[in-house]
PDB file of N, CA and C in Angstrom:
ATOM      1  N   MET A   1       0.666  -1.208  -0.193  1.00  0.00           N
ATOM      2  CA  MET A   1      -0.100   0.188  -0.045  1.00  0.00           C
ATOM      3  C   MET A   1       0.753   1.195   0.027  1.00  0.00           C
ATOM      4  N   SER A   2       0.554   2.280  -0.916  1.00  0.00           N
ATOM      5  CA  SER A   2       1.263   3.439  -0.784  1.00  0.00           C
ATOM      6  C   SER A   2       0.829   4.311   0.192  1.00  0.00           C
ATOM      7  N   ASN A   3       2.070   5.166   0.375  1.00  0.00           N
ATOM      8  CA  ASN A   3       1.687   6.036   1.705  1.00  0.00           C
ATOM      9  C   ASN A   3       1.314   7.484   1.227  1.00  0.00           C
ATOM     10  N   GLY A   4       0.499   8.144   1.751  1.00  0.00           N
ATOM     11  CA  GLY A   4      -0.074   9.547   1.516  1.00  0.00           C
ATOM     12  C   GLY A   4       0.927  10.361   2.581  1.00  0.00           C
ATOM     13  N   LYS A   5       0.294  11.005   3.643  1.00  0.00           N
ATOM     14  CA  LYS A   5       1.045  11.707   4.492  1.00  0.00           C
ATOM     15  C   LYS A   5       1.778  10.675   5.301  1.00  0.00           C
ATOM     16  N   PRO A   6       2.738  11.308   6.119  1.00  0.00           N
ATOM     17  CA  PRO A   6       3.655  10.511   6.974  1.00  0.00           C
ATOM     18  C   PRO A   6       2.737   9.687   7.999  1.00  0.00           C
ATOM     19  N   GLY A   7       2.879   8.145   7.850  1.00  0.00           N
ATOM     20  CA  GLY A   7       1.855   7.643   8.828  1.00  0.00           C
ATOM     21  C   GLY A   7       0.726   7.263   8.225  1.00  0.00           C
ATOM     22  N   GLU A   8       0.261   7.667   6.960  1.00  0.00           N
ATOM     23  CA  GLU A   8      -1.146   7.409   6.577  1.00  0.00           C
ATOM     24  C   GLU A   8      -0.887   6.377   5.464  1.00  0.00           C
ATOM     25  N   VAL A   9      -1.804   5.458   5.408  1.00  0.00           N
ATOM     26  CA  VAL A   9      -1.712   4.418   4.358  1.00  0.00           C
ATOM     27  C   VAL A   9      -2.974   4.379   3.448  1.00  0.00           C
ATOM     28  N   ILE A  10      -2.661   4.380   2.182  1.00  0.00           N
ATOM     29  CA  ILE A  10      -3.493   4.772   1.128  1.00  0.00           C
ATOM     30  C   ILE A  10      -3.769   3.120   0.509  1.00  0.00           C
ATOM     31  N   SER A  11      -4.919   2.815   0.432  1.00  0.00           N
ATOM     32  CA  SER A  11      -5.417   1.571  -0.167  1.00  0.00           C
ATOM     33  C   SER A  11      -6.045   1.705  -1.377  1.00  0.00           C
ATOM     34  N   TYR A  12      -6.192   0.564  -2.101  1.00  0.00           N
ATOM     35  CA  TYR A  12      -6.894   0.528  -3.347  1.00  0.00           C
ATOM     36  C   TYR A  12      -8.249  -0.341  -2.821  1.00  0.00           C
ATOM     37  N   PHE A  13      -9.444   0.017  -3.347  1.00  0.00           N
ATOM     38  CA  PHE A  13     -10.468  -0.853  -3.183  1.00  0.00           C
ATOM     39  C   PHE A  13     -11.066  -1.263  -4.449  1.00  0.00           C
ATOM     40  N   VAL A  14     -11.151  -2.434  -4.750  1.00  0.00           N
ATOM     41  CA  VAL A  14     -11.789  -2.918  -6.022  1.00  0.00           C
ATOM     42  C   VAL A  14     -13.007  -3.483  -5.672  1.00  0.00           C
ATOM     43  N   ILE A  15     -13.954  -2.966  -6.361  1.00  0.00           N
ATOM     44  CA  ILE A  15     -15.688  -3.328  -6.149  1.00  0.00           C
ATOM     45  C   ILE A  15     -16.122  -3.982  -7.369  1.00  0.00           C
ATOM     46  N   THR A  16     -16.693  -5.192  -7.383  1.00  0.00           N
ATOM     47  CA  THR A  16     -16.900  -5.841  -8.354  1.00  0.00           C
ATOM     48  C   THR A  16     -18.518  -6.474  -8.172  1.00  0.00           C
ATOM     49  N   SER A  17     -19.216  -6.521  -9.273  1.00  0.00           N
ATOM     50  CA  SER A  17     -20.432  -7.151  -9.265  1.00  0.00           C
ATOM     51  C   SER A  17     -20.500  -8.307 -10.039  1.00  0.00           C
ATOM     52  N   ARG A  18     -20.646  -9.346  -9.423  1.00  0.00           N
ATOM     53  CA  ARG A  18     -20.542 -10.612 -10.106  1.00  0.00           C
ATOM     54  C   ARG A  18     -21.821 -11.679  -9.735  1.00  0.00           C
ATOM     55  N   GLU A  19     -21.768 -12.669 -10.301  1.00  0.00           N
ATOM     56  CA  GLU A  19     -23.079 -13.574 -10.281  1.00  0.00           C
ATOM     57  C   GLU A  19     -23.355 -13.834  -8.652  1.00  0.00           C
ATOM     58  N   ASP A  20     -22.497 -13.726  -7.809  1.00  0.00           N
ATOM     59  CA  ASP A  20     -22.781 -13.797  -6.362  1.00  0.00           C
ATOM     60  C   ASP A  20     -23.087 -12.656  -5.621  1.00  0.00           C
ATOM     61  N   GLY A  21     -23.097 -11.516  -6.332  1.00  0.00           N
ATOM     62  CA  GLY A  21     -23.300 -10.173  -5.784  1.00  0.00           C
ATOM     63  C   GLY A  21     -22.135  -9.319  -5.864  1.00  0.00           C
ATOM     64  N   ILE A  22     -22.208  -8.183  -4.914  1.00  0.00           N
ATOM     65  CA  ILE A  22     -21.161  -7.123  -4.929  1.00  0.00           C
ATOM     66  C   ILE A  22     -19.967  -7.619  -3.913  1.00  0.00           C
ATOM     67  N   ASP A  23     -18.741  -7.329  -4.353  1.00  0.00           N
ATOM     68  CA  ASP A  23     -17.692  -7.738  -3.601  1.00  0.00           C
ATOM     69  C   ASP A  23     -16.540  -6.580  -3.415  1.00  0.00           C
ATOM     70  N   VAL A  24     -16.079  -6.430  -2.411  1.00  0.00           N
ATOM     71  CA  VAL A  24     -15.168  -5.470  -2.045  1.00  0.00           C
ATOM     72  C   VAL A  24     -13.730  -5.967  -1.792  1.00  0.00           C
ATOM     73  N   GLN A  25     -12.690  -5.674  -2.382  1.00  0.00           N
ATOM     74  CA  GLN A  25     -11.418  -6.304  -2.046  1.00  0.00           C
ATOM     75  C   GLN A  25     -10.528  -5.052  -1.827  1.00  0.00           C
ATOM     76  N   GLU A  26      -9.747  -5.078  -0.588  1.00  0.00           N
ATOM     77  CA  GLU A  26      -8.824  -3.978  -0.338  1.00  0.00           C
ATOM     78  C   GLU A  26      -7.450  -4.518  -0.411  1.00  0.00           C
ATOM     79  N   GLY A  27      -6.361  -3.567  -0.816  1.00  0.00           N
ATOM     80  CA  GLY A  27      -5.048  -4.068  -0.856  1.00  0.00           C
ATOM     81  C   GLY A  27      -4.196  -2.869  -1.554  1.00  0.00           C
ATOM     82  N   ASP A  28      -3.014  -3.326  -2.119  1.00  0.00           N
ATOM     83  CA  ASP A  28      -2.169  -2.293  -2.904  1.00  0.00           C
ATOM     84  C   ASP A  28      -2.464  -2.455  -4.588  1.00  0.00           C
ATOM     85  N   GLU A  29      -1.370  -1.922  -4.950  1.00  0.00           N
ATOM     86  CA  GLU A  29      -1.420  -1.959  -6.555  1.00  0.00           C
ATOM     87  C   GLU A  29      -1.674  -3.361  -7.009  1.00  0.00           C
ATOM     88  N   GLY A  30      -1.236  -4.444  -6.340  1.00  0.00           N
ATOM     89  CA  GLY A  30      -1.167  -5.750  -6.914  1.00  0.00           C
ATOM     90  C   GLY A  30      -2.659  -6.262  -6.915  1.00  0.00           C
ATOM     91  N   ILE A  31      -3.710  -5.837  -5.993  1.00  0.00           N
ATOM     92  CA  ILE A  31      -4.898  -6.266  -6.228  1.00  0.00           C
ATOM     93  C   ILE A  31      -5.696  -5.625  -7.434  1.00  0.00           C
ATOM     94  N   VAL A  32      -5.188  -4.236  -7.796  1.00  0.00           N
ATOM     95  CA  VAL A  32      -5.825  -3.914  -9.105  1.00  0.00           C
ATOM     96  C   VAL A  32      -5.265  -4.547 -10.247  1.00  0.00           C
ATOM     97  N   ARG A  33      -4.078  -4.880 -10.244  1.00  0.00           N
ATOM     98  CA  ARG A  33      -3.549  -5.526 -11.449  1.00  0.00           C
ATOM     99  C   ARG A  33      -4.041  -6.885 -11.536  1.00  0.00           C
ATOM    100  N   GLN A  34      -4.474  -7.729 -10.330  1.00  0.00           N
ATOM    101  CA  GLN A  34      -5.037  -9.008 -10.356  1.00  0.00           C
ATOM    102  C   GLN A  34      -6.441  -8.963 -11.179  1.00  0.00           C
ATOM    103  N   TYR A  35      -7.291  -7.769 -10.978  1.00  0.00           N
ATOM    104  CA  TYR A  35      -8.474  -7.854 -11.513  1.00  0.00           C
ATOM    105  C   TYR A  35      -8.493  -7.140 -13.008  1.00  0.00           C
ATOM    106  N   ILE A  36      -7.393  -6.509 -13.517  1.00  0.00           N
ATOM    107  CA  ILE A  36      -7.657  -5.797 -14.601  1.00  0.00           C
ATOM    108  C   ILE A  36      -6.551  -6.417 -15.691  1.00  0.00           C
ATOM    109  N   GLU A  37      -5.480  -7.307 -15.234  1.00  0.00           N
ATOM    110  CA  GLU A  37      -4.582  -7.637 -16.231  1.00  0.00           C
ATOM    111  C   GLU A  37      -4.776  -9.126 -16.260  1.00  0.00           C
ATOM    112  N   PRO A  38      -4.468  -9.771 -17.393  1.00  0.00           N
ATOM    113  CA  PRO A  38      -4.843 -11.227 -17.665  1.00  0.00           C
ATOM    114  C   PRO A  38      -3.569 -11.933 -17.154  1.00  0.00           C
ATOM    115  N   ASP A  39      -3.774 -13.197 -16.625  1.00  0.00           N
ATOM    116  CA  ASP A  39      -2.643 -14.074 -16.360  1.00  0.00           C
ATOM    117  C   ASP A  39      -1.915 -14.450 -17.699  1.00  0.00           C
ATOM    118  N   GLU A  40      -1.008 -15.265 -17.348  1.00  0.00           N
ATOM    119  CA  GLU A  40      -0.028 -15.802 -18.518  1.00  0.00           C
ATOM    120  C   GLU A  40      -0.765 -16.691 -19.421  1.00  0.00           C
ATOM    121  N   ASP A  41      -1.967 -17.135 -18.992  1.00  0.00           N
ATOM    122  CA  ASP A  41      -2.820 -17.982 -20.122  1.00  0.00           C
ATOM    123  C   ASP A  41      -3.855 -17.105 -20.877  1.00  0.00           C
ATOM    124  N   GLY A  42      -3.764 -16.042 -20.396  1.00  0.00           N
ATOM    125  CA  GLY A  42      -4.865 -14.900 -20.978  1.00  0.00           C
ATOM    126  C   GLY A  42      -6.179 -14.663 -20.327  1.00  0.00           C
ATOM    127  N   CYS A  43      -6.132 -15.334 -19.222  1.00  0.00           N
ATOM    128  CA  CYS A  43      -7.552 -15.366 -18.405  1.00  0.00           C
ATOM    129  C   CYS A  43      -7.592 -14.286 -17.277  1.00  0.00           C
ATOM    130  N   PHE A  44      -8.735 -13.692 -17.089  1.00  0.00           N
ATOM    131  CA  PHE A  44      -8.762 -12.621 -16.016  1.00  0.00           C
ATOM    132  C   PHE A  44      -9.252 -13.371 -14.752  1.00  0.00           C
ATOM    133  N   TYR A  45      -8.962 -12.764 -13.694  1.00  0.00           N
ATOM    134  CA  TYR A  45      -9.284 -13.082 -12.363  1.00  0.00           C
ATOM    135  C   TYR A  45     -10.802 -13.280 -12.215  1.00  0.00           C
ATOM    136  N   ALA A  46     -11.419 -12.238 -12.460  1.00  0.00           N
ATOM    137  CA  ALA A  46     -12.877 -12.255 -12.180  1.00  0.00           C
ATOM    138  C   ALA A  46     -13.702 -12.049 -13.402  1.00  0.00           C
ATOM    139  N   GLY A  47     -13.165 -12.509 -14.536  1.00  0.00           N
ATOM    140  CA  GLY A  47     -13.794 -12.187 -15.907  1.00  0.00           C
ATOM    141  C   GLY A  47     -13.337 -11.086 -16.637  1.00  0.00           C
ATOM    142  N   LYS A  48     -13.471 -10.713 -17.691  1.00  0.00           N
ATOM    143  CA  LYS A  48     -12.864  -9.612 -18.473  1.00  0.00           C
ATOM    144  C   LYS A  48     -13.289  -8.345 -17.883  1.00  0.00           C
ATOM    145  N   PRO A  49     -12.701  -7.416 -17.361  1.00  0.00           N
ATOM    146  CA  PRO A  49     -13.254  -6.230 -16.755  1.00  0.00           C
ATOM    147  C   PRO A  49     -13.627  -5.303 -17.497  1.00  0.00           C
ATOM    148  N   GLU A  50     -14.863  -4.558 -17.090  1.00  0.00           N
ATOM    149  CA  GLU A  50     -15.420  -3.362 -17.749  1.00  0.00           C
ATOM    150  C   GLU A  50     -15.435  -2.197 -16.413  1.00  0.00           C
ATOM    151  N   ILE A  51     -14.078  -1.420 -16.682  1.00  0.00           N
ATOM    152  CA  ILE A  51     -13.936  -0.401 -15.440  1.00  0.00           C
ATOM    153  C   ILE A  51     -14.849   0.717 -15.681  1.00  0.00           C
ATOM    154  N   LEU A  52     -15.804   0.876 -14.617  1.00  0.00           N
ATOM    155  CA  LEU A  52     -16.520   1.908 -14.599  1.00  0.00           C
ATOM    156  C   LEU A  52     -16.199   3.201 -13.941  1.00  0.00           C
ATOM    157  N   ASP A  53     -16.652   4.408 -14.449  1.00  0.00           N
ATOM    158  CA  ASP A  53     -16.324   5.629 -13.841  1.00  0.00           C
ATOM    159  C   ASP A  53     -17.142   6.322 -12.906  1.00  0.00           C
ATOM    160  N   HIS A  54     -18.124   5.475 -12.530  1.00  0.00           N
ATOM    161  CA  HIS A  54     -19.166   5.889 -11.476  1.00  0.00           C
ATOM    162  C   HIS A  54     -19.741   4.586 -10.735  1.00  0.00           C
ATOM    163  N   VAL A  55     -20.424   4.913  -9.584  1.00  0.00           N
ATOM    164  CA  VAL A  55     -21.031   3.713  -8.925  1.00  0.00           C
ATOM    165  C   VAL A  55     -22.440   3.711  -9.389  1.00  0.00           C
ATOM    166  N   PRO A  56     -22.773   2.520 -10.102  1.00  0.00           N
ATOM    167  CA  PRO A  56     -24.166   2.403 -10.586  1.00  0.00           C
ATOM    168  C   PRO A  56     -25.001   2.300  -9.456  1.00  0.00           C
ATOM    169  N   GLU A  57     -26.237   2.279  -9.839  1.00  0.00           N
ATOM    170  CA  GLU A  57     -27.626   1.954  -8.919  1.00  0.00           C
ATOM    171  C   GLU A  57     -27.276   0.730  -8.633  1.00  0.00           C
ATOM    172  N   ILE A  58     -27.563   0.123  -7.313  1.00  0.00           N
ATOM    173  CA  ILE A  58     -27.595  -1.144  -6.724  1.00  0.00           C
ATOM    174  C   ILE A  58     -29.124  -1.646  -6.636  1.00  0.00           C
ATOM    175  N   ILE A  59     -29.298  -2.869  -7.206  1.00  0.00           N
ATOM    176  CA  ILE A  59     -30.559  -3.408  -6.920  1.00  0.00           C
ATOM    177  C   ILE A  59     -30.676  -4.855  -6.468  1.00  0.00           C
ATOM    178  N   ASP A  60     -31.048  -5.214  -5.687  1.00  0.00           N
ATOM    179  CA  ASP A  60     -31.031  -6.597  -5.308  1.00  0.00           C
ATOM    180  C   ASP A  60     -29.545  -7.084  -5.032  1.00  0.00           C
ATOM    181  N   GLY A  61     -28.751  -6.286  -4.483  1.00  0.00           N
ATOM    182  CA  GLY A  61     -27.363  -6.626  -4.234  1.00  0.00           C
ATOM    183  C   GLY A  61     -26.405  -6.840  -5.535  1.00  0.00           C
ATOM    184  N   PHE A  62     -26.891  -6.141  -6.816  1.00  0.00           N
ATOM    185  CA  PHE A  62     -26.095  -6.044  -7.908  1.00  0.00           C
ATOM    186  C   PHE A  62     -26.086  -4.644  -8.653  1.00  0.00           C
ATOM    187  N   PHE A  63     -25.018  -4.355  -9.160  1.00  0.00           N
ATOM    188  CA  PHE A  63     -24.970  -3.102 -10.015  1.00  0.00           C
ATOM    189  C   PHE A  63     -26.180  -3.350 -11.126  1.00  0.00           C
ATOM    190  N   ALA A  64     -26.837  -2.170 -11.272  1.00  0.00           N
ATOM    191  CA  ALA A  64     -27.904  -2.309 -11.959  1.00  0.00           C
ATOM    192  C   ALA A  64     -27.516  -1.628 -13.455  1.00  0.00           C
ATOM    193  N   ASN A  65     -28.131  -1.951 -14.502  1.00  0.00           N
ATOM    194  CA  ASN A  65     -27.969  -1.323 -15.784  1.00  0.00           C
ATOM    195  C   ASN A  65     -26.517  -1.000 -16.134  1.00  0.00           C
ATOM    196  N   THR A  66     -25.631  -2.159 -15.901  1.00  0.00           N
ATOM    197  CA  THR A  66     -24.360  -2.297 -16.408  1.00  0.00           C
ATOM    198  C   THR A  66     -24.356  -2.825 -17.867  1.00  0.00           C
ATOM    199  N   GLY A  67     -25.293  -3.566 -18.163  1.00  0.00           N
ATOM    200  CA  GLY A  67     -25.411  -4.168 -19.669  1.00  0.00           C
ATOM    201  C   GLY A  67     -24.633  -5.222 -19.669  1.00  0.00           C
ATOM    202  N   ASN A  68     -24.009  -6.015 -18.772  1.00  0.00           N
ATOM    203  CA  ASN A  68     -23.205  -7.103 -19.111  1.00  0.00           C
ATOM    204  C   ASN A  68     -23.796  -8.208 -18.031  1.00  0.00           C
ATOM    205  N   THR A  69     -23.173  -9.590 -18.629  1.00  0.00           N
ATOM    206  CA  THR A  69     -23.387 -10.653 -17.490  1.00  0.00           C
ATOM    207  C   THR A  69     -22.033 -11.223 -17.386  1.00  0.00           C
ATOM    208  N   MET A  70     -22.018 -12.220 -16.500  1.00  0.00           N
ATOM    209  CA  MET A  70     -21.032 -12.883 -16.046  1.00  0.00           C
ATOM    210  C   MET A  70     -20.119 -13.413 -17.167  1.00  0.00           C
ATOM    211  N   ASP A  71     -21.007 -13.845 -18.209  1.00  0.00           N
ATOM    212  CA  ASP A  71     -20.251 -14.526 -19.342  1.00  0.00           C
ATOM    213  C   ASP A  71     -19.562 -13.481 -20.297  1.00  0.00           C
ATOM    214  N   GLU A  72     -19.785 -12.191 -20.122  1.00  0.00           N
ATOM    215  CA  GLU A  72     -19.271 -11.163 -20.918  1.00  0.00           C
ATOM    216  C   GLU A  72     -18.193 -10.459 -20.334  1.00  0.00           C
ATOM    217  N   ARG A  73     -18.604  -9.308 -19.654  1.00  0.00           N
ATOM    218  CA  ARG A  73     -17.594  -8.500 -18.794  1.00  0.00           C
ATOM    219  C   ARG A  73     -18.039  -8.290 -17.247  1.00  0.00           C
ATOM    220  N   THR A  74     -16.962  -8.012 -16.414  1.00  0.00           N
ATOM    221  CA  THR A  74     -17.587  -7.914 -15.184  1.00  0.00           C
ATOM    222  C   THR A  74     -17.156  -6.455 -14.737  1.00  0.00           C
ATOM    223  N   PRO A  75     -18.368  -5.779 -14.318  1.00  0.00           N
ATOM    224  CA  PRO A  75     -18.188  -4.342 -13.788  1.00  0.00           C
ATOM    225  C   PRO A  75     -17.330  -4.289 -12.760  1.00  0.00           C
ATOM    226  N   ILE A  76     -16.252  -3.292 -12.824  1.00  0.00           N
ATOM    227  CA  ILE A  76     -15.310  -2.988 -11.760  1.00  0.00           C
ATOM    228  C   ILE A  76     -15.269  -1.408 -11.446  1.00  0.00           C
ATOM    229  N   ILE A  77     -15.270  -1.213 -10.241  1.00  0.00           N
ATOM    230  CA  ILE A  77     -14.968   0.080  -9.835  1.00  0.00           C
ATOM    231  C   ILE A  77     -13.612   0.108  -8.868  1.00  0.00           C
ATOM    232  N   ILE A  78     -12.779   1.062  -9.114  1.00  0.00           N
ATOM    233  CA  ILE A  78     -11.493   1.038  -8.546  1.00  0.00           C
ATOM    234  C   ILE A  78     -11.452   2.548  -7.838  1.00  0.00           C
ATOM    235  N   ILE A  79     -11.188   2.312  -6.446  1.00  0.00           N
ATOM    236  CA  ILE A  79     -11.182   3.652  -5.708  1.00  0.00           C
ATOM    237  C   ILE A  79      -9.881   3.479  -4.869  1.00  0.00           C
ATOM    238  N   LYS A  80      -9.186   4.674  -4.935  1.00  0.00           N
ATOM    239  CA  LYS A  80      -7.998   4.799  -4.220  1.00  0.00           C
ATOM    240  C   LYS A  80      -8.141   5.696  -3.093  1.00  0.00           C
ATOM    241  N   GLY A  81      -7.896   5.342  -1.838  1.00  0.00           N
ATOM    242  CA  GLY A  81      -8.234   6.246  -0.563  1.00  0.00           C
ATOM    243  C   GLY A  81      -7.636   5.716   0.578  1.00  0.00           C
ATOM    244  N   LYS A  82      -8.319   5.943   1.599  1.00  0.00           N
ATOM    245  CA  LYS A  82      -8.075   5.552   2.997  1.00  0.00           C
ATOM    246  C   LYS A  82      -9.281   5.327   3.672  1.00  0.00           C
ATOM    247  N   ILE A  83      -9.351   4.441   4.636  1.00  0.00           N
ATOM    248  CA  ILE A  83     -10.576   4.188   5.375  1.00  0.00           C
ATOM    249  C   ILE A  83     -10.559   5.290   6.567  1.00  0.00           C
ATOM    250  N   ILE A  84     -11.607   5.962   6.716  1.00  0.00           N
ATOM    251  CA  ILE A  84     -11.909   6.966   7.779  1.00  0.00           C
ATOM    252  C   ILE A  84     -12.708   6.300   8.868  1.00  0.00           C
ATOM    253  N   VAL A  85     -12.449   6.556  10.178  1.00  0.00           N
ATOM    254  CA  VAL A  85     -13.079   6.051  11.226  1.00  0.00           C
ATOM    255  C   VAL A  85     -13.366   7.439  11.802  1.00  0.00           C
ATOM    256  N   PRO A  86     -14.655   7.900  12.096  1.00  0.00           N
ATOM    257  CA  PRO A  86     -14.980   9.077  12.669  1.00  0.00           C
ATOM    258  C   PRO A  86     -14.629   9.056  14.059  1.00  0.00           C
ATOM    259  N   LYS A  87     -14.199  10.159  14.715  1.00  0.00           N
ATOM    260  CA  LYS A  87     -14.067  10.150  16.091  1.00  0.00           C
ATOM    261  C   LYS A  87     -15.418  10.756  16.782  1.00  0.00           C
ATOM    262  N   PRO A  88     -15.857  10.041  17.669  1.00  0.00           N
ATOM    263  CA  PRO A  88     -17.123  10.677  18.328  1.00  0.00           C
ATOM    264  C   PRO A  88     -17.052  12.026  18.850  1.00  0.00           C
ATOM    265  N   LYS A  89     -17.905  12.932  18.826  1.00  0.00           N
ATOM    266  CA  LYS A  89     -17.728  14.232  19.464  1.00  0.00           C
ATOM    267  C   LYS A  89     -19.066  14.049  20.456  1.00  0.00           C
ATOM    268  N   GLN A  90     -18.757  14.406  21.667  1.00  0.00           N
ATOM    269  CA  GLN A  90     -19.974  14.520  22.418  1.00  0.00           C
ATOM    270  C   GLN A  90     -20.518  16.026  22.766  1.00  0.00           C
ATOM    271  N   THR A  91     -21.597  16.416  22.649  1.00  0.00           N
ATOM    272  CA  THR A  91     -22.263  17.567  22.807  1.00  0.00           C
ATOM    273  C   THR A  91     -23.225  17.492  23.986  1.00  0.00           C
ATOM    274  N   VAL A  92     -22.952  18.179  25.024  1.00  0.00           N
ATOM    275  CA  VAL A  92     -24.060  18.303  26.189  1.00  0.00           C
ATOM    276  C   VAL A  92     -24.943  19.498  26.053  1.00  0.00           C
ATOM    277  N   THR A  93     -26.092  19.300  26.076  1.00  0.00           N
ATOM    278  CA  THR A  93     -27.119  20.409  26.139  1.00  0.00           C
ATOM    279  C   THR A  93     -27.676  20.561  27.650  1.00  0.00           C
ATOM    280  N   GLU A  94     -27.548  21.606  28.251  1.00  0.00           N
ATOM    281  CA  GLU A  94     -28.309  21.771  29.562  1.00  0.00           C
ATOM    282  C   GLU A  94     -29.537  22.418  29.473  1.00  0.00           C
ATOM    283  N   TYR A  95     -30.582  21.983  30.149  1.00  0.00           N
ATOM    284  CA  TYR A  95     -31.887  22.688  29.989  1.00  0.00           C
ATOM    285  C   TYR A  95     -32.177  23.027  31.543  1.00  0.00           C
ATOM    286  N   GLU A  96     -32.605  24.210  31.667  1.00  0.00           N
ATOM    287  CA  GLU A  96     -33.240  24.610  32.941  1.00  0.00           C
ATOM    288  C   GLU A  96     -34.635  24.796  32.945  1.00  0.00           C
ATOM    289  N   ILE A  97     -35.282  24.022  33.946  1.00  0.00           N
ATOM    290  CA  ILE A  97     -36.709  23.943  34.066  1.00  0.00           C
ATOM    291  C   ILE A  97     -37.336  24.588  35.230  1.00  0.00           C
ATOM    292  N   GLU A  98     -38.046  25.515  35.177  1.00  0.00           N
ATOM    293  CA  GLU A  98     -38.541  26.298  36.265  1.00  0.00           C
ATOM    294  C   GLU A  98     -39.674  25.896  36.772  1.00  0.00           C
TER     295      GLU A  98
END
C-alpha cells in the first residue's frame, strides 16, 4: 500500500458485481492488477473487466444497468483512498426547568 502523508496508509478498493453479488477487495496496486490484467494464459481473475467511472445503482445486491453478464464482462470500480473512522464528539446541552 502506498503512503500519503507520513503515517497514512493509502489503499486500493476494487468493487465488483458478479453472479454472487457485490464484492469489495482492499489492497495495494497488486490487487488492482489482479483484476484488470490477464494471467499468462490470458484469463482474467474475475472475468474480462469493464472499468466503470461511476457507482451504478444497486438493485437486489447487484450493479444495475451495467449491460453485462458474467459471461461477458465484469463491472469493476477502483477507488484509491483510505478508510476513515470518525471520532465521536459528544455535545452536552443543559436545560433549565423552572
